[in-house]
Amino acid sequence: MINFQHNHFELFGLPQRFHLDLARMDEAYRGIQSQVHPDRFAQASDGERRASMQSATQVNEAYRTLKNPLARARYLLALRGVDLDSENNTAMPAEFLRQQMHWRESVEEAANRPEALAALARRLAGEMKDHYTELERRLDRDGDDALAAESVRKLMFLERLREEIGDALERSDA
């Protein structure tokens, strides 16, 4: 079985950084999954089947965490000992909060206009790309975990906004 004493990066043989070679991770994931997949243990003992299922679940969770940029950043910061305290620490720069209010007003105004919502989604995607670029720089080049944590908290707001736009789009198409 696989040694799960490693962190997610080590499990897939990846450097502990935000920017990842996703193709390399996918390849490592497929290789590990082929070793632990429950189908390989169909004729094994109950204990081995259970261990296989647990291993496959852990590999899947590690893969999902590293595949998602926001989850990867949160995990990387946790490995570095940074507690985001995202439930209680919602303090944001005033300009960012004003921008969030403007985004939400724009979503409300565009509520039943799919083309306007799609345009907002495209604008938000561009803004999020910029924030992820900044986050990568803070984590990988600058090593500024405090500013990286602030970037993560901002991206959490933006991800929720993206979900709201997606929900509004679904409602407008219904």
C-alpha atoms as a PDB file:
ATOM      1  CA  MET A   1       0.000   0.000   0.000  1.00  0.00           C
ATOM      2  CA  ILE A   2       0.887   3.659  -0.268  1.00  0.00           C
ATOM      3  CA  ASN A   3       2.600   5.492   2.586  1.00  0.00           C
ATOM      4  CA  PHE A   4       0.160   8.196   3.662  1.00  0.00           C
ATOM      5  CA  GLN A   5       2.580   9.740   6.119  1.00  0.00           C
ATOM      6  CA  HIS A   6       3.554  12.051   3.264  1.00  0.00           C
ATOM      7  CA  ASN A   7       1.779  15.279   2.533  1.00  0.00           C
ATOM      8  CA  HIS A   8      -0.210  15.556  -0.698  1.00  0.00           C
ATOM      9  CA  PHE A   9       2.706  17.016  -2.650  1.00  0.00           C
ATOM     10  CA  GLU A  10       5.079  14.238  -1.567  1.00  0.00           C
ATOM     11  CA  LEU A  11       2.443  11.606  -2.334  1.00  0.00           C
ATOM     12  CA  PHE A  12       2.513  12.650  -5.995  1.00  0.00           C
ATOM     13  CA  GLY A  13       6.251  13.398  -6.080  1.00  0.00           C
ATOM     14  CA  LEU A  14       5.677  17.119  -6.584  1.00  0.00           C
ATOM     15  CA  PRO A  15       7.515  20.125  -5.198  1.00  0.00           C
ATOM     16  CA  GLN A  16       5.741  21.840  -2.333  1.00  0.00           C
ATOM     17  CA  ARG A  17       4.722  24.974  -4.209  1.00  0.00           C
ATOM     18  CA  PHE A  18       1.629  26.604  -5.664  1.00  0.00           C
ATOM     19  CA  HIS A  19       2.584  26.286  -9.319  1.00  0.00           C
ATOM     20  CA  LEU A  20       2.348  22.632 -10.284  1.00  0.00           C
ATOM     21  CA  ASP A  21       2.980  20.545 -13.351  1.00  0.00           C
ATOM     22  CA  LEU A  22      -0.610  19.317 -13.604  1.00  0.00           C
ATOM     23  CA  ALA A  23       0.220  16.739 -16.275  1.00  0.00           C
ATOM     24  CA  ARG A  24       2.852  15.243 -13.964  1.00  0.00           C
ATOM     25  CA  MET A  25       0.351  15.202 -11.113  1.00  0.00           C
ATOM     26  CA  ASP A  26      -2.285  13.511 -13.295  1.00  0.00           C
ATOM     27  CA  GLU A  27       0.223  10.863 -14.311  1.00  0.00           C
ATOM     28  CA  ALA A  28       1.275  10.228 -10.706  1.00  0.00           C
ATOM     29  CA  TYR A  29      -2.363  10.078  -9.633  1.00  0.00           C
ATOM     30  CA  ARG A  30      -3.216   7.458 -12.265  1.00  0.00           C
ATOM     31  CA  GLY A  31      -0.189   5.402 -11.233  1.00  0.00           C
ATOM     32  CA  ILE A  32      -1.079   5.470  -7.541  1.00  0.00           C
ATOM     33  CA  GLN A  33      -4.754   4.834  -8.195  1.00  0.00           C
ATOM     34  CA  SER A  34      -3.870   1.759 -10.232  1.00  0.00           C
ATOM     35  CA  GLN A  35      -2.014   0.419  -7.170  1.00  0.00           C
ATOM     36  CA  VAL A  36      -4.745   1.069  -4.602  1.00  0.00           C
ATOM     37  CA  HIS A  37      -7.972   0.847  -6.600  1.00  0.00           C
ATOM     38  CA  PRO A  38     -10.505  -1.406  -4.831  1.00  0.00           C
ATOM     39  CA  ASP A  39     -11.037  -3.472  -8.005  1.00  0.00           C
ATOM     40  CA  ARG A  40      -7.509  -4.828  -7.572  1.00  0.00           C
ATOM     41  CA  PHE A  41      -8.507  -6.152  -4.160  1.00  0.00           C
ATOM     42  CA  ALA A  42     -11.838  -7.754  -5.051  1.00  0.00           C
ATOM     43  CA  GLN A  43     -10.529 -11.203  -4.074  1.00  0.00           C
ATOM     44  CA  ALA A  44      -8.511  -9.998  -1.059  1.00  0.00           C
ATOM     45  CA  SER A  45      -9.420 -10.246   2.609  1.00  0.00           C
ATOM     46  CA  ASP A  46     -11.920  -7.847   4.169  1.00  0.00           C
ATOM     47  CA  GLY A  47      -9.091  -5.948   5.847  1.00  0.00           C
ATOM     48  CA  GLU A  48      -7.183  -5.528   2.595  1.00  0.00           C
ATOM     49  CA  ARG A  49     -10.330  -4.388   0.765  1.00  0.00           C
ATOM     50  CA  ARG A  50     -11.042  -1.854   3.519  1.00  0.00           C
ATOM     51  CA  ALA A  51      -7.449  -0.614   3.416  1.00  0.00           C
ATOM     52  CA  SER A  52      -7.668  -0.329  -0.366  1.00  0.00           C
ATOM     53  CA  MET A  53     -10.877   1.695  -0.124  1.00  0.00           C
ATOM     54  CA  GLN A  54      -9.332   4.003   2.481  1.00  0.00           C
ATOM     55  CA  SER A  55      -6.201   4.434   0.387  1.00  0.00           C
ATOM     56  CA  ALA A  56      -8.183   5.192  -2.767  1.00  0.00           C
ATOM     57  CA  THR A  57     -10.263   7.731  -0.837  1.00  0.00           C
ATOM     58  CA  GLN A  58      -7.130   9.438   0.530  1.00  0.00           C
ATOM     59  CA  VAL A  59      -5.521   9.548  -2.911  1.00  0.00           C
ATOM     60  CA  ASN A  60      -8.685  11.046  -4.398  1.00  0.00           C
ATOM     61  CA  GLU A  61      -8.855  13.668  -1.652  1.00  0.00           C
ATOM     62  CA  ALA A  62      -5.186  14.601  -2.131  1.00  0.00           C
ATOM     63  CA  TYR A  63      -5.725  14.863  -5.884  1.00  0.00           C
ATOM     64  CA  ARG A  64      -8.856  17.032  -5.539  1.00  0.00           C
ATOM     65  CA  THR A  65      -7.058  19.315  -3.082  1.00  0.00           C
ATOM     66  CA  LEU A  66      -4.042  19.881  -5.312  1.00  0.00           C
ATOM     67  CA  LYS A  67      -6.060  20.092  -8.534  1.00  0.00           C
ATOM     68  CA  ASN A  68      -8.160  22.989  -7.216  1.00  0.00           C
ATOM     69  CA  PRO A  69      -5.993  26.145  -7.039  1.00  0.00           C
ATOM     70  CA  LEU A  70      -7.783  27.655  -4.049  1.00  0.00           C
ATOM     71  CA  ALA A  71      -7.763  24.385  -2.095  1.00  0.00           C
ATOM     72  CA  ARG A  72      -4.081  23.917  -3.021  1.00  0.00           C
ATOM     73  CA  ALA A  73      -3.203  27.384  -1.711  1.00  0.00           C
ATOM     74  CA  ARG A  74      -5.094  26.770   1.522  1.00  0.00           C
ATOM     75  CA  TYR A  75      -3.371  23.398   1.957  1.00  0.00           C
ATOM     76  CA  LEU A  76       0.057  24.852   1.202  1.00  0.00           C
ATOM     77  CA  LEU A  77      -0.463  27.620   3.736  1.00  0.00           C
ATOM     78  CA  ALA A  78      -1.619  25.061   6.312  1.00  0.00           C
ATOM     79  CA  LEU A  79       1.573  23.070   5.717  1.00  0.00           C
ATOM     80  CA  ARG A  80       3.500  26.272   6.378  1.00  0.00           C
ATOM     81  CA  GLY A  81       1.668  26.722   9.662  1.00  0.00           C
ATOM     82  CA  VAL A  82      -0.580  29.563   8.499  1.00  0.00           C
ATOM     83  CA  ASP A  83      -4.075  29.447   9.963  1.00  0.00           C
ATOM     84  CA  LEU A  84      -6.381  31.305   7.602  1.00  0.00           C
ATOM     85  CA  ASP A  85      -9.087  31.479  10.262  1.00  0.00           C
ATOM     86  CA  SER A  86     -11.372  32.233   7.331  1.00  0.00           C
ATOM     87  CA  GLU A  87     -14.514  31.835   9.424  1.00  0.00           C
ATOM     88  CA  ASN A  88     -13.534  34.610  11.830  1.00  0.00           C
ATOM     89  CA  ASN A  89     -10.982  36.638   9.874  1.00  0.00           C
ATOM     90  CA  THR A  90     -13.042  38.367   7.223  1.00  0.00           C
ATOM     91  CA  ALA A  91     -11.247  41.695   7.465  1.00  0.00           C
ATOM     92  CA  MET A  92     -10.542  42.965   3.971  1.00  0.00           C
ATOM     93  CA  PRO A  93      -9.220  46.197   2.539  1.00  0.00           C
ATOM     94  CA  ALA A  94     -12.022  48.746   2.148  1.00  0.00           C
ATOM     95  CA  GLU A  95     -11.481  49.006  -1.604  1.00  0.00           C
ATOM     96  CA  PHE A  96     -11.897  45.257  -2.022  1.00  0.00           C
ATOM     97  CA  LEU A  97     -15.127  45.316   0.002  1.00  0.00           C
ATOM     98  CA  ARG A  98     -16.484  48.208  -2.101  1.00  0.00           C
ATOM     99  CA  GLN A  99     -15.641  46.210  -5.200  1.00  0.00           C
ATOM    100  CA  GLN A 100     -17.519  43.190  -3.807  1.00  0.00           C
ATOM    101  CA  MET A 101     -20.593  45.328  -3.174  1.00  0.00           C
ATOM    102  CA  HIS A 102     -20.391  46.626  -6.738  1.00  0.00           C
ATOM    103  CA  TRP A 103     -20.101  43.064  -8.096  1.00  0.00           C
ATOM    104  CA  ARG A 104     -23.134  41.915  -6.121  1.00  0.00           C
ATOM    105  CA  GLU A 105     -25.179  44.911  -7.267  1.00  0.00           C
ATOM    106  CA  SER A 106     -24.192  44.119 -10.848  1.00  0.00           C
ATOM    107  CA  VAL A 107     -25.312  40.510 -10.410  1.00  0.00           C
ATOM    108  CA  GLU A 108     -28.675  41.651  -9.021  1.00  0.00           C
ATOM    109  CA  GLU A 109     -29.159  44.102 -11.897  1.00  0.00           C
ATOM    110  CA  ALA A 110     -28.340  41.409 -14.469  1.00  0.00           C
ATOM    111  CA  ALA A 111     -30.426  38.726 -12.718  1.00  0.00           C
ATOM    112  CA  ASN A 112     -32.732  37.835 -15.622  1.00  0.00           C
ATOM    113  CA  ARG A 113     -30.423  38.746 -18.476  1.00  0.00           C
ATOM    114  CA  PRO A 114     -28.239  35.761 -19.359  1.00  0.00           C
ATOM    115  CA  GLU A 115     -25.994  37.771 -21.696  1.00  0.00           C
ATOM    116  CA  ALA A 116     -25.277  40.339 -18.973  1.00  0.00           C
ATOM    117  CA  LEU A 117     -24.575  37.579 -16.444  1.00  0.00           C
ATOM    118  CA  ALA A 118     -22.247  35.850 -18.908  1.00  0.00           C
ATOM    119  CA  ALA A 119     -20.387  39.140 -19.419  1.00  0.00           C
ATOM    120  CA  LEU A 120     -20.028  39.505 -15.631  1.00  0.00           C
ATOM    121  CA  ALA A 121     -18.744  35.927 -15.409  1.00  0.00           C
ATOM    122  CA  ARG A 122     -16.093  36.692 -18.046  1.00  0.00           C
ATOM    123  CA  ARG A 123     -15.006  39.874 -16.252  1.00  0.00           C
ATOM    124  CA  LEU A 124     -14.834  38.034 -12.945  1.00  0.00           C
ATOM    125  CA  ALA A 125     -12.797  35.210 -14.520  1.00  0.00           C
ATOM    126  CA  GLY A 126     -10.245  37.783 -15.693  1.00  0.00           C
ATOM    127  CA  GLU A 127     -10.065  39.369 -12.268  1.00  0.00           C
ATOM    128  CA  MET A 128      -9.697  35.986 -10.587  1.00  0.00           C
ATOM    129  CA  LYS A 129      -6.895  35.068 -12.984  1.00  0.00           C
ATOM    130  CA  ASP A 130      -5.043  38.203 -11.870  1.00  0.00           C
ATOM    131  CA  HIS A 131      -5.573  37.308  -8.204  1.00  0.00           C
ATOM    132  CA  TYR A 132      -4.297  33.755  -8.778  1.00  0.00           C
ATOM    133  CA  THR A 133      -1.211  35.135 -10.537  1.00  0.00           C
ATOM    134  CA  GLU A 134      -0.586  37.379  -7.541  1.00  0.00           C
ATOM    135  CA  LEU A 135      -1.138  34.470  -5.161  1.00  0.00           C
ATOM    136  CA  GLU A 136       1.362  32.310  -7.047  1.00  0.00           C
ATOM    137  CA  ARG A 137       3.957  35.082  -6.851  1.00  0.00           C
ATOM    138  CA  ARG A 138       3.367  35.548  -3.123  1.00  0.00           C
ATOM    139  CA  LEU A 139       3.587  31.838  -2.370  1.00  0.00           C
ATOM    140  CA  ASP A 140       6.314  30.651  -4.733  1.00  0.00           C
ATOM    141  CA  ARG A 141       8.576  33.607  -5.347  1.00  0.00           C
ATOM    142  CA  ASP A 142       8.140  36.020  -2.461  1.00  0.00           C
ATOM    143  CA  GLY A 143       7.360  33.493   0.265  1.00  0.00           C
ATOM    144  CA  ASP A 144       5.047  36.094   1.793  1.00  0.00           C
ATOM    145  CA  ASP A 145       2.584  33.858   3.604  1.00  0.00           C
ATOM    146  CA  ALA A 146       0.727  36.734   5.279  1.00  0.00           C
ATOM    147  CA  LEU A 147      -0.061  38.439   1.974  1.00  0.00           C
ATOM    148  CA  ALA A 148      -0.751  35.046   0.396  1.00  0.00           C
ATOM    149  CA  ALA A 149      -3.309  34.359   3.141  1.00  0.00           C
ATOM    150  CA  GLU A 150      -4.976  37.693   2.359  1.00  0.00           C
ATOM    151  CA  SER A 151      -5.042  36.725  -1.328  1.00  0.00           C
ATOM    152  CA  VAL A 152      -6.655  33.397  -0.440  1.00  0.00           C
ATOM    153  CA  ARG A 153      -9.346  35.118   1.609  1.00  0.00           C
ATOM    154  CA  LYS A 154     -10.052  37.476  -1.315  1.00  0.00           C
ATOM    155  CA  LEU A 155     -10.261  34.539  -3.698  1.00  0.00           C
ATOM    156  CA  MET A 156     -12.709  32.822  -1.372  1.00  0.00           C
ATOM    157  CA  PHE A 157     -14.986  35.860  -1.737  1.00  0.00           C
ATOM    158  CA  LEU A 158     -14.531  35.825  -5.515  1.00  0.00           C
ATOM    159  CA  GLU A 159     -15.234  32.082  -5.737  1.00  0.00           C
ATOM    160  CA  ARG A 160     -18.508  32.596  -3.867  1.00  0.00           C
ATOM    161  CA  LEU A 161     -19.347  35.432  -6.237  1.00  0.00           C
ATOM    162  CA  ARG A 162     -18.635  33.164  -9.205  1.00  0.00           C
ATOM    163  CA  GLU A 163     -21.030  30.602  -7.737  1.00  0.00           C
ATOM    164  CA  GLU A 164     -23.685  33.298  -7.300  1.00  0.00           C
ATOM    165  CA  ILE A 165     -23.309  34.331 -10.935  1.00  0.00           C
ATOM    166  CA  GLY A 166     -23.517  30.676 -11.999  1.00  0.00           C
ATOM    167  CA  ASP A 167     -26.667  30.202  -9.916  1.00  0.00           C
ATOM    168  CA  ALA A 168     -28.203  33.352 -11.409  1.00  0.00           C
ATOM    169  CA  LEU A 169     -27.357  32.094 -14.902  1.00  0.00           C
ATOM    170  CA  GLU A 170     -29.064  28.774 -14.174  1.00  0.00           C
ATOM    171  CA  ARG A 171     -32.156  30.547 -12.887  1.00  0.00           C
ATOM    172  CA  SER A 172     -32.293  32.848 -15.917  1.00  0.00           C
ATOM    173  CA  ASP A 173     -32.059  29.880 -18.295  1.00  0.00           C
ATOM    174  CA  ALA A 174     -34.837  27.959 -16.527  1.00  0.00           C
END
